[in-house]
Amino acid sequence: MDSIINWIYDFVKNLSRSTVFIIMAVLAVLGFYFFSLFLKANKKESPKISKISYLLITILLIVIIIVFSYFRY
């Protein structure tokens, strides 16, 4: 498990600054997109599973952004 975490840490550390900003921008846009889908699902009578999955994907993307920025800086 430690070797996987070390590999991810080294991979993120070796990325260029512009690549990191592009990846974080894409993750942020995807997070806002899934959050908007979650808000739309709450307005309509959609299945509850789609509401939960949109919310979980949004939370997962926020966690990935936090972890990514923690590894980078």
Protein backbone atom coordinates (compact mmCIF):
# COMPACT_ATOMS: atom_id res chain seq x y z
CA MET A 1 0.00 0.00 0.00
CA ASP A 2 2.84 2.39 0.81
CA SER A 3 4.47 1.81 -2.56
CA ILE A 4 1.23 2.79 -4.36
CA ILE A 5 0.90 5.97 -2.32
CA ASN A 6 4.58 6.80 -2.89
CA TRP A 7 4.16 6.23 -6.64
CA ILE A 8 1.13 8.56 -6.74
CA TYR A 9 2.96 11.15 -4.65
CA ASP A 10 6.01 11.06 -6.93
CA PHE A 11 3.83 11.19 -10.04
CA VAL A 12 1.97 14.28 -8.84
CA LYS A 13 5.18 15.97 -7.68
CA ASN A 14 6.80 15.50 -11.11
CA LEU A 15 3.94 17.11 -13.05
CA SER A 16 4.50 20.57 -14.47
CA ARG A 17 2.66 23.51 -12.95
CA SER A 18 0.45 24.06 -16.01
CA THR A 19 -0.54 20.39 -16.10
CA VAL A 20 -1.58 20.56 -12.45
CA PHE A 21 -3.73 23.64 -13.08
CA ILE A 22 -5.38 22.01 -16.11
CA ILE A 23 -6.16 18.83 -14.16
CA MET A 24 -7.56 20.78 -11.20
CA ALA A 25 -9.64 22.98 -13.52
CA VAL A 26 -11.12 19.93 -15.24
CA LEU A 27 -11.91 18.36 -11.86
CA ALA A 28 -13.54 21.58 -10.66
CA VAL A 29 -15.67 21.87 -13.82
CA LEU A 30 -16.76 18.26 -13.48
CA GLY A 31 -17.59 18.86 -9.82
CA PHE A 32 -19.79 21.84 -10.67
CA TYR A 33 -21.41 19.87 -13.50
CA PHE A 34 -22.38 16.97 -11.25
CA PHE A 35 -23.51 19.40 -8.56
CA SER A 36 -25.81 21.09 -11.08
CA LEU A 37 -27.17 17.67 -12.06
CA PHE A 38 -27.80 16.98 -8.38
CA LEU A 39 -29.71 20.25 -8.00
CA LYS A 40 -31.75 19.50 -11.14
CA ALA A 41 -32.55 16.02 -9.83
CA ASN A 42 -33.89 17.57 -6.62
CA LYS A 43 -36.29 19.79 -8.58
CA LYS A 44 -37.72 16.96 -10.65
CA GLU A 45 -39.19 13.70 -9.57
CA SER A 46 -36.20 11.60 -10.46
CA PRO A 47 -35.12 8.35 -8.86
CA LYS A 48 -33.39 8.76 -5.52
CA ILE A 49 -30.41 6.74 -6.68
CA SER A 50 -29.48 9.40 -9.23
CA LYS A 51 -29.65 12.12 -6.57
CA ILE A 52 -27.33 10.17 -4.29
CA SER A 53 -24.90 9.24 -7.06
CA TYR A 54 -24.59 12.85 -8.28
CA LEU A 55 -23.92 14.02 -4.75
CA LEU A 56 -21.36 11.27 -4.10
CA ILE A 57 -19.52 12.01 -7.35
CA THR A 58 -19.40 15.70 -6.41
CA ILE A 59 -18.01 14.87 -2.96
CA LEU A 60 -15.49 12.47 -4.49
CA LEU A 61 -14.25 15.12 -6.91
CA ILE A 62 -13.86 17.64 -4.09
CA VAL A 63 -11.85 15.09 -2.10
CA ILE A 64 -9.67 14.37 -5.14
CA ILE A 65 -8.98 18.09 -5.60
CA ILE A 66 -8.03 18.43 -1.92
CA VAL A 67 -5.76 15.38 -1.97
CA PHE A 68 -4.22 16.46 -5.28
CA SER A 69 -3.44 19.92 -3.95
CA TYR A 70 -2.10 18.44 -0.70
CA PHE A 71 0.31 16.19 -2.62
CA ARG A 72 1.37 19.01 -4.91
CA TYR A 73 1.95 21.84 -2.45
